[in-house]
N, C-alpha and C. Protein backbone atom coordinates (compact mmCIF):
# COMPACT_ATOMS: atom_id res chain seq x y z
N MET A 1 44.41 16.51 9.52
CA MET A 1 44.71 15.96 8.30
C MET A 1 43.40 14.98 8.16
N ARG A 2 43.43 13.93 9.12
CA ARG A 2 42.36 12.70 9.15
C ARG A 2 41.12 13.36 9.39
N LYS A 3 41.05 14.20 10.32
CA LYS A 3 39.11 15.12 10.25
C LYS A 3 38.99 15.47 9.02
N LEU A 4 40.03 16.17 8.19
CA LEU A 4 39.21 16.82 6.90
C LEU A 4 39.11 15.81 6.01
N ALA A 5 39.35 14.54 6.01
CA ALA A 5 39.30 12.96 5.30
C ALA A 5 38.19 12.89 5.30
N GLY A 6 38.09 12.60 6.88
CA GLY A 6 36.53 12.08 7.32
C GLY A 6 35.52 12.74 6.68
N TRP A 7 35.52 14.35 6.85
CA TRP A 7 34.34 15.00 6.32
C TRP A 7 34.31 15.17 4.78
N LYS A 8 35.12 15.04 4.17
CA LYS A 8 35.30 14.88 2.78
C LYS A 8 34.88 13.53 2.13
N GLY A 9 35.10 12.83 2.98
CA GLY A 9 34.34 11.13 2.76
C GLY A 9 32.82 11.08 3.11
N MET A 10 32.73 11.96 4.15
CA MET A 10 31.01 11.99 4.46
C MET A 10 30.11 12.63 3.45
N ALA A 11 31.16 14.07 2.74
CA ALA A 11 30.42 15.07 1.89
C ALA A 11 30.04 13.86 0.36
N LEU A 12 31.11 13.20 0.58
CA LEU A 12 30.56 11.96 -1.07
C LEU A 12 29.72 11.11 -0.56
N VAL A 13 29.46 10.66 0.61
CA VAL A 13 28.64 9.77 0.88
C VAL A 13 27.16 10.44 0.63
N PHE A 14 27.21 11.68 1.27
CA PHE A 14 25.96 12.64 1.17
C PHE A 14 25.32 12.78 -0.09
N ALA A 15 26.35 13.44 -0.96
CA ALA A 15 26.17 13.61 -2.46
C ALA A 15 25.89 12.67 -2.91
N THR A 16 26.32 11.40 -2.92
CA THR A 16 25.70 10.18 -3.88
C THR A 16 24.32 9.75 -2.95
N LEU A 17 24.06 10.09 -1.85
CA LEU A 17 22.76 9.88 -1.52
C LEU A 17 21.24 10.45 -1.97
N MET A 18 22.12 11.68 -2.26
CA MET A 18 21.23 13.14 -2.77
C MET A 18 21.15 12.40 -4.19
N THR A 19 21.83 12.39 -5.10
CA THR A 19 22.19 11.93 -6.27
C THR A 19 20.69 10.79 -6.64
N ALA A 20 20.84 9.63 -5.68
CA ALA A 20 20.25 8.35 -5.79
C ALA A 20 18.68 9.07 -5.40
N ALA A 21 18.53 9.66 -4.33
CA ALA A 21 17.29 10.14 -3.71
C ALA A 21 16.27 10.92 -4.98
N CYS A 22 16.83 11.60 -5.85
CA CYS A 22 16.42 12.60 -6.84
C CYS A 22 15.82 11.85 -8.07
N THR A 23 16.64 10.61 -8.38
CA THR A 23 16.32 9.44 -9.52
C THR A 23 15.35 8.55 -8.71
N MET A 24 15.16 8.68 -7.37
CA MET A 24 14.00 7.37 -7.14
C MET A 24 12.45 7.65 -7.37
N PRO A 25 12.09 8.80 -7.68
CA PRO A 25 10.45 8.55 -8.16
C PRO A 25 10.55 7.79 -10.04
N MET A 26 11.38 8.07 -10.60
CA MET A 26 11.27 7.52 -11.89
C MET A 26 11.69 6.21 -12.11
N MET A 27 12.64 5.95 -11.29
CA MET A 27 12.97 4.73 -10.87
C MET A 27 11.74 3.59 -10.34
N GLU A 28 11.12 4.27 -9.44
CA GLU A 28 10.14 3.67 -8.43
C GLU A 28 8.81 3.13 -9.53
N LYS A 29 8.67 4.54 -10.78
CA LYS A 29 7.58 4.39 -11.58
C LYS A 29 7.22 3.05 -12.18
N GLU A 30 9.17 2.99 -12.75
CA GLU A 30 9.54 1.88 -13.80
C GLU A 30 9.46 0.60 -13.22
N ASN A 31 9.75 0.16 -11.87
CA ASN A 31 10.00 -0.99 -11.09
C ASN A 31 8.50 -1.31 -11.11
N GLN A 32 7.55 -0.11 -10.56
CA GLN A 32 6.48 -0.78 -10.20
C GLN A 32 5.44 -1.54 -11.39
N PHE A 33 5.94 -0.58 -12.43
CA PHE A 33 5.64 -1.46 -13.61
C PHE A 33 6.17 -2.66 -14.04
N GLU A 34 7.05 -2.90 -14.10
CA GLU A 34 7.68 -4.15 -14.27
C GLU A 34 7.27 -5.45 -13.18
N ILE A 35 7.01 -4.86 -11.92
CA ILE A 35 6.52 -5.81 -11.08
C ILE A 35 5.19 -6.41 -11.35
N ALA A 36 4.65 -5.21 -11.59
CA ALA A 36 3.11 -5.25 -12.11
C ALA A 36 3.19 -6.49 -13.24
N VAL A 37 3.35 -5.93 -14.40
CA VAL A 37 3.38 -7.22 -15.44
C VAL A 37 3.93 -8.28 -14.88
N ARG A 38 5.19 -8.60 -14.44
CA ARG A 38 5.67 -9.62 -14.01
C ARG A 38 4.34 -10.38 -13.22
N ASP A 39 4.08 -10.20 -12.33
CA ASP A 39 3.04 -10.75 -11.09
C ASP A 39 1.61 -11.18 -12.10
N TYR A 40 1.21 -10.22 -12.71
CA TYR A 40 0.03 -10.65 -14.03
C TYR A 40 0.46 -11.98 -14.81
N LEU A 41 1.68 -12.10 -15.51
CA LEU A 41 2.18 -12.78 -16.31
C LEU A 41 2.15 -14.50 -15.51
N GLN A 42 2.88 -13.96 -14.38
CA GLN A 42 2.80 -15.15 -13.48
C GLN A 42 1.13 -16.17 -12.86
N LYS A 43 0.25 -14.84 -12.55
CA LYS A 43 -0.73 -15.33 -12.31
C LYS A 43 -1.37 -16.41 -13.39
N LEU A 44 -1.41 -15.80 -14.73
CA LEU A 44 -1.85 -16.22 -16.06
C LEU A 44 -1.13 -17.49 -16.42
N ARG A 45 -0.08 -17.69 -15.47
CA ARG A 45 0.66 -18.86 -15.93
C ARG A 45 -0.03 -20.01 -14.91
N TRP A 46 -0.04 -19.79 -13.75
CA TRP A 46 -0.81 -20.62 -12.75
C TRP A 46 -2.00 -20.53 -12.80
N GLN A 47 -2.65 -20.15 -14.13
CA GLN A 47 -4.49 -20.04 -14.19
C GLN A 47 -4.86 -19.32 -12.97
N ASP A 48 -4.30 -18.25 -12.16
CA ASP A 48 -4.91 -18.01 -11.22
C ASP A 48 -5.86 -16.58 -11.96
N ASN A 49 -7.00 -16.57 -12.50
CA ASN A 49 -7.73 -16.06 -13.38
C ASN A 49 -8.44 -14.67 -12.47
N HIS A 50 -8.85 -14.99 -11.56
CA HIS A 50 -9.14 -13.92 -11.06
C HIS A 50 -7.96 -12.79 -10.48
N GLY A 51 -6.95 -13.47 -10.20
CA GLY A 51 -5.74 -12.74 -9.99
C GLY A 51 -5.47 -12.08 -10.84
N ALA A 52 -5.03 -12.37 -11.75
CA ALA A 52 -4.71 -12.03 -13.12
C ALA A 52 -6.22 -10.65 -13.36
N ALA A 53 -7.50 -11.23 -13.47
CA ALA A 53 -8.55 -10.02 -13.71
C ALA A 53 -8.34 -8.92 -13.01
N LEU A 54 -7.67 -8.96 -11.89
CA LEU A 54 -7.71 -7.74 -11.17
C LEU A 54 -6.73 -6.51 -11.83
N TYR A 55 -5.49 -7.03 -12.92
CA TYR A 55 -4.74 -5.82 -13.18
C TYR A 55 -5.06 -5.59 -14.41
N MET A 56 -6.65 -6.22 -14.89
CA MET A 56 -7.51 -5.41 -16.24
C MET A 56 -8.32 -4.54 -15.54
N LYS A 57 -8.73 -3.45 -16.35
CA LYS A 57 -9.64 -2.33 -15.95
C LYS A 57 -11.14 -3.30 -15.92
N GLU A 58 -12.06 -2.95 -15.24
CA GLU A 58 -12.84 -3.43 -14.41
C GLU A 58 -14.13 -3.82 -15.98
N GLU A 59 -14.06 -3.00 -16.95
CA GLU A 59 -15.10 -3.30 -18.02
C GLU A 59 -14.47 -4.82 -18.87
N PHE A 60 -13.18 -5.24 -18.48
CA PHE A 60 -12.96 -6.19 -19.08
C PHE A 60 -12.95 -7.39 -18.32
N ARG A 61 -13.14 -7.51 -17.27
CA ARG A 61 -12.86 -8.19 -16.15
C ARG A 61 -13.77 -9.52 -16.08
N GLU A 62 -14.95 -9.14 -16.15
CA GLU A 62 -16.13 -10.31 -16.42
C GLU A 62 -15.83 -11.44 -17.74
N ASP A 63 -15.45 -10.16 -18.83
CA ASP A 63 -15.29 -11.00 -20.21
C ASP A 63 -13.99 -12.18 -20.32
N PHE A 64 -13.25 -11.78 -19.47
CA PHE A 64 -11.83 -12.49 -19.48
C PHE A 64 -12.67 -13.56 -18.70
N LEU A 65 -12.32 -13.60 -17.83
CA LEU A 65 -12.79 -14.50 -16.55
C LEU A 65 -14.07 -15.78 -17.00
N SER A 66 -15.30 -15.16 -17.61
CA SER A 66 -15.93 -16.44 -18.58
C SER A 66 -15.11 -16.94 -19.42
N ARG A 67 -14.94 -16.52 -20.16
CA ARG A 67 -13.36 -16.59 -21.26
C ARG A 67 -12.84 -17.87 -21.21
N MET A 68 -12.20 -17.57 -19.97
CA MET A 68 -11.00 -18.70 -19.50
C MET A 68 -12.15 -19.67 -18.58
N LYS A 69 -13.18 -19.57 -18.24
CA LYS A 69 -13.81 -20.44 -17.90
C LYS A 69 -14.04 -21.55 -18.78
N ASP A 70 -14.66 -21.04 -20.11
CA ASP A 70 -15.02 -21.51 -21.07
C ASP A 70 -14.21 -22.76 -21.53
N ILE A 71 -13.02 -22.69 -21.31
CA ILE A 71 -12.15 -23.50 -21.85
C ILE A 71 -11.57 -25.11 -21.20
N PRO A 72 -12.57 -25.79 -21.05
CA PRO A 72 -12.28 -27.04 -20.27
C PRO A 72 -11.09 -28.07 -20.67
N GLY A 73 -9.88 -27.96 -20.04
CA GLY A 73 -8.99 -28.83 -20.49
C GLY A 73 -7.59 -27.86 -20.37
N LEU A 74 -7.73 -27.08 -20.39
CA LEU A 74 -6.62 -25.47 -20.55
C LEU A 74 -5.53 -25.94 -19.87
N ASN A 75 -4.59 -26.19 -20.55
CA ASN A 75 -3.05 -26.42 -19.77
C ASN A 75 -2.41 -25.12 -20.14
N ILE A 76 -1.72 -24.02 -19.05
CA ILE A 76 -0.72 -23.14 -19.61
C ILE A 76 0.38 -23.49 -19.10
N VAL A 77 1.48 -23.87 -20.02
CA VAL A 77 2.63 -24.37 -19.67
C VAL A 77 3.65 -23.52 -19.36
N ASN A 78 3.76 -22.41 -19.83
CA ASN A 78 4.50 -21.31 -19.80
C ASN A 78 4.30 -20.06 -20.60
N VAL A 79 4.60 -18.94 -19.33
CA VAL A 79 4.09 -17.22 -20.42
C VAL A 79 5.59 -16.80 -19.68
N THR A 80 5.95 -16.37 -20.87
CA THR A 80 7.26 -15.41 -21.43
C THR A 80 7.05 -14.29 -21.88
N LEU A 81 7.95 -13.25 -20.84
CA LEU A 81 7.62 -11.73 -21.06
C LEU A 81 8.72 -11.64 -22.40
N LYS A 82 7.91 -11.14 -23.66
CA LYS A 82 8.93 -10.74 -25.10
C LYS A 82 9.36 -9.36 -24.77
N ALA A 83 8.79 -8.30 -24.35
CA ALA A 83 8.76 -6.98 -24.68
C ALA A 83 8.28 -5.98 -23.85
N MET A 84 8.29 -4.95 -23.31
CA MET A 84 7.83 -3.64 -22.68
C MET A 84 8.22 -2.39 -23.73
N GLU A 85 7.42 -1.94 -24.63
CA GLU A 85 7.57 -1.13 -25.30
C GLU A 85 7.17 0.05 -24.80
N PRO A 86 7.62 1.59 -24.54
CA PRO A 86 6.92 2.39 -24.26
C PRO A 86 5.99 2.98 -25.48
N GLY A 87 4.71 3.79 -24.92
CA GLY A 87 3.42 3.99 -25.33
C GLY A 87 3.60 5.52 -26.02
N SER A 88 2.57 5.83 -26.27
CA SER A 88 2.66 7.84 -27.44
C SER A 88 3.27 8.47 -25.77
N ASN A 89 2.94 7.83 -24.44
CA ASN A 89 2.94 9.00 -23.34
C ASN A 89 3.80 7.97 -22.86
N GLU A 90 4.37 8.94 -21.18
CA GLU A 90 4.71 8.31 -20.34
C GLU A 90 4.31 7.69 -19.46
N ASP A 91 2.73 7.40 -19.59
CA ASP A 91 1.78 7.03 -18.65
C ASP A 91 1.49 5.41 -19.87
N GLU A 92 1.79 5.20 -20.29
CA GLU A 92 1.71 4.27 -21.60
C GLU A 92 2.65 2.91 -21.84
N TYR A 93 2.27 1.52 -21.73
CA TYR A 93 3.46 0.43 -22.35
C TYR A 93 2.58 -0.40 -23.20
N GLN A 94 3.27 -0.92 -24.33
CA GLN A 94 2.56 -1.75 -24.72
C GLN A 94 3.29 -3.32 -23.98
N VAL A 95 2.72 -4.30 -23.87
CA VAL A 95 3.74 -5.61 -23.36
C VAL A 95 3.11 -6.64 -24.18
N VAL A 96 4.34 -7.14 -24.33
CA VAL A 96 4.08 -8.43 -25.22
C VAL A 96 4.71 -9.89 -24.70
N ALA A 97 3.75 -10.79 -24.38
CA ALA A 97 4.16 -12.11 -24.17
C ALA A 97 3.86 -13.31 -24.61
N ALA A 98 4.30 -14.23 -24.72
CA ALA A 98 4.13 -15.76 -25.04
C ALA A 98 3.45 -16.55 -24.28
N ILE A 99 2.38 -17.13 -24.57
CA ILE A 99 1.85 -18.07 -23.71
C ILE A 99 1.64 -19.72 -24.82
N GLU A 100 2.43 -20.53 -23.83
CA GLU A 100 2.29 -21.73 -24.51
C GLU A 100 1.81 -22.51 -23.42
N TYR A 101 0.58 -23.31 -24.07
CA TYR A 101 -0.23 -24.10 -23.93
C TYR A 101 -0.84 -24.97 -24.69
N TYR A 102 -1.67 -26.01 -23.89
CA TYR A 102 -2.34 -27.18 -24.75
C TYR A 102 -3.86 -27.36 -24.32
N VAL A 103 -5.17 -27.87 -24.90
CA VAL A 103 -5.92 -28.18 -24.63
C VAL A 103 -6.03 -29.65 -24.69
N MET A 104 -6.30 -30.43 -23.22
CA MET A 104 -6.78 -32.05 -23.23
C MET A 104 -7.95 -31.88 -23.93
N PRO A 105 -8.12 -33.02 -24.63
CA PRO A 105 -7.14 -34.21 -24.45
C PRO A 105 -5.64 -34.00 -25.48
N SER A 106 -5.70 -33.57 -26.42
CA SER A 106 -4.70 -33.06 -27.45
C SER A 106 -3.22 -32.61 -26.27
N LEU A 107 -2.01 -33.26 -26.64
CA LEU A 107 -0.89 -32.71 -25.93
C LEU A 107 -0.14 -31.74 -26.79
N SER A 108 -0.56 -31.46 -27.98
CA SER A 108 0.19 -30.71 -28.73
C SER A 108 0.40 -29.11 -28.37
N LEU A 109 1.69 -29.07 -27.66
CA LEU A 109 1.79 -27.57 -27.22
C LEU A 109 1.60 -26.63 -28.46
N ARG A 110 0.62 -25.48 -27.98
CA ARG A 110 0.70 -24.35 -29.13
C ARG A 110 1.26 -23.08 -28.08
N GLU A 111 1.31 -22.11 -29.32
CA GLU A 111 2.03 -20.63 -28.70
C GLU A 111 0.80 -19.47 -29.33
N LYS A 112 0.72 -18.36 -28.46
CA LYS A 112 -0.32 -17.71 -28.74
C LYS A 112 0.45 -16.19 -28.21
N GLU A 113 0.75 -15.54 -28.99
CA GLU A 113 1.37 -14.11 -28.77
C GLU A 113 0.32 -13.25 -27.88
N LEU A 114 0.52 -12.51 -27.21
CA LEU A 114 -0.43 -11.65 -26.20
C LEU A 114 0.17 -10.35 -26.33
N ARG A 115 -0.63 -9.35 -26.47
CA ARG A 115 -0.52 -7.85 -26.56
C ARG A 115 -1.58 -7.11 -26.05
N GLN A 116 -0.56 -6.49 -25.20
CA GLN A 116 -2.01 -5.74 -24.30
C GLN A 116 -1.46 -4.41 -24.23
N LYS A 117 -1.97 -3.21 -23.82
CA LYS A 117 -1.94 -2.10 -23.48
C LYS A 117 -1.95 -1.75 -22.09
N TRP A 118 -1.07 -1.27 -21.43
CA TRP A 118 -0.97 -1.16 -19.95
C TRP A 118 -0.98 0.63 -20.04
N VAL A 119 -1.95 0.80 -19.14
CA VAL A 119 -1.68 2.56 -18.64
C VAL A 119 -1.48 2.50 -17.14
N ILE A 120 -1.23 3.94 -16.69
CA ILE A 120 -1.27 3.90 -15.45
C ILE A 120 -2.50 5.00 -15.13
N ILE A 121 -3.08 4.44 -13.92
CA ILE A 121 -4.36 4.89 -13.85
C ILE A 121 -4.16 5.91 -11.99
N ARG A 122 -4.30 6.98 -12.24
CA ARG A 122 -4.18 7.70 -11.42
C ARG A 122 -5.74 8.02 -10.59
N TYR A 123 -5.75 7.83 -9.19
CA TYR A 123 -7.34 8.11 -8.47
C TYR A 123 -7.18 9.15 -8.24
N GLU A 124 -8.32 9.84 -8.07
CA GLU A 124 -8.34 11.01 -7.20
C GLU A 124 -8.18 11.11 -5.82
N GLU A 125 -8.53 10.23 -5.04
CA GLU A 125 -8.75 9.82 -3.71
C GLU A 125 -7.28 10.14 -3.48
N TRP A 126 -7.03 11.43 -2.27
CA TRP A 126 -5.55 11.46 -2.05
C TRP A 126 -5.13 10.29 -1.45
N ASN A 127 -5.64 9.12 -0.71
CA ASN A 127 -4.88 8.08 -0.23
C ASN A 127 -4.46 7.41 -1.17
N ARG A 128 -4.88 6.85 -2.30
CA ARG A 128 -4.99 5.64 -3.32
C ARG A 128 -3.53 6.09 -3.99
N LEU A 129 -2.57 5.12 -3.84
CA LEU A 129 -1.54 5.17 -4.99
C LEU A 129 -1.75 4.80 -6.44
N PRO A 130 -1.00 5.52 -7.30
CA PRO A 130 -1.41 5.33 -9.19
C PRO A 130 -1.24 4.03 -9.08
N ALA A 131 -1.39 3.42 -9.84
CA ALA A 131 -1.66 1.51 -10.61
C ALA A 131 -1.73 1.62 -11.72
N TRP A 132 -0.88 0.54 -12.25
CA TRP A 132 -0.59 0.35 -13.41
C TRP A 132 -2.29 -1.12 -14.29
N GLN A 133 -2.50 -0.70 -14.97
CA GLN A 133 -3.54 -1.42 -15.42
C GLN A 133 -3.71 -1.80 -16.75
N ILE A 134 -4.27 -2.63 -17.31
CA ILE A 134 -4.39 -3.10 -18.83
C ILE A 134 -5.89 -2.63 -19.42
N ALA A 135 -5.35 -1.89 -20.41
CA ALA A 135 -6.50 -1.02 -21.15
C ALA A 135 -6.96 -1.36 -22.05
N THR A 136 -6.98 -2.65 -22.87
CA THR A 136 -7.24 -3.28 -23.69
C THR A 136 -7.97 -4.67 -23.72
N PRO A 137 -8.90 -5.35 -24.23
CA PRO A 137 -9.52 -6.55 -23.33
C PRO A 137 -8.44 -7.54 -24.10
N PHE A 138 -8.82 -8.79 -23.44
CA PHE A 138 -7.69 -9.84 -23.57
C PHE A 138 -8.60 -10.29 -24.60
N PRO A 139 -7.31 -10.79 -25.99
CA PRO A 139 -7.55 -11.21 -26.97
C PRO A 139 -8.19 -12.66 -26.96
N GLU A 140 -8.48 -12.95 -28.21
CA GLU A 140 -9.21 -14.24 -28.61
C GLU A 140 -8.14 -15.59 -27.87
N PHE A 141 -8.54 -16.41 -27.21
CA PHE A 141 -7.69 -17.25 -26.80
C PHE A 141 -8.53 -18.52 -26.59
N PRO A 142 -8.39 -19.78 -27.31
CA PRO A 142 -6.87 -20.03 -27.67
C PRO A 142 -6.71 -19.99 -28.91
C-alpha cells in the first residue's frame, strides 16, 4: 500500500510540473514585459538617459537624449507605473506612468503623465531573443 501511495504522489508531482511547464511561455512573455517596463522607469527615475534610450526604437533615441540633455537643473523625484494596458494585438501594450520632477532653481514639484506604446520586436537572426521596445517618441517634457 505504501508503494502505491508513493507512485500516486510522484504522478501528482509530475502532472503539476507538466501543467506549469505548459503555461511557462505565456507567463515568461508577460514577465519579460513587466521587467522591461520597470527597468526602463527606474532608468528614467535615476536619469540614466542612455540606459532608458536603449528601450526605445532606434529612430527615437537621439531625439530623446538631446531633449533630456537640454533641460538643465532637471531633478526627477519619482516615476510611478500607473497602468499597463493591452493593445490591439498580443504583441502591443500601452504603458501609463507619472513622472514627478522639478527644475532648479524652482522647487515646485510638477507631474507629467507619460503614455507610451510598447511592442515586441522579433529579430530575424536565429540567435536573438524577442525584446520589448517603445514604439512611440518620448512626449514633450517637461
